[in-house]
Amino acid sequence: MSNIGIIILAAGASTRLGQPKQILAYQGKSLIRHITEAAINSQCRPVVVVLGAYVETIEPHLRNLDIHIVYNQKWSTGMASSIRCGLNAIGAIASEIEAIVLMLCDQPFVSSDLINQLVTRYQAGATRFCEVGQKRCDAYGGLRLR
């Protein structure tokens, strides 16, 4: 295991979809269960899942998993509040965290192997920034994959 944690953001209301996308079926499981199991099967610990809207509906899909579930009371204010909530939770759980893998609940093609590849590149000293379109995000310690 590494001292790299994972935060899975799953607090949104899925308003455009009209139902909680976190519980949509994918390969016989809900999206949230699928992505959480990928995180658990990676080398990262701890795994924190941030819930908000539909918490009563989503939480049962996470039963019996070795994770930490946190509730973002301010989920309706946007994703930044869920990121803060997850970071606060990881800080309280494990003070020696070196880095974070930030994931969304609706990324079914992200596997534990891919997560481990990110960690390996990070540990090998890969450039620590992420790109969103043409914008650099140096402050967040992400990895440039392209």
Foldseek 3Di string as FASTA:
>chain_A
DDLEAEEEEQADDPVVVPHRQQQDDDPRAGLQLLVVVQRVPAPHDDYEYEYEPPCVVNVVSCPPHRYHYDYQPVPVVDDVSSVVRRVVVSCVVDVPRDAYDYHYSRPNVDGSVNVNVQVVCVVVPAQQWDDDPNDIDNVRRGHHDD
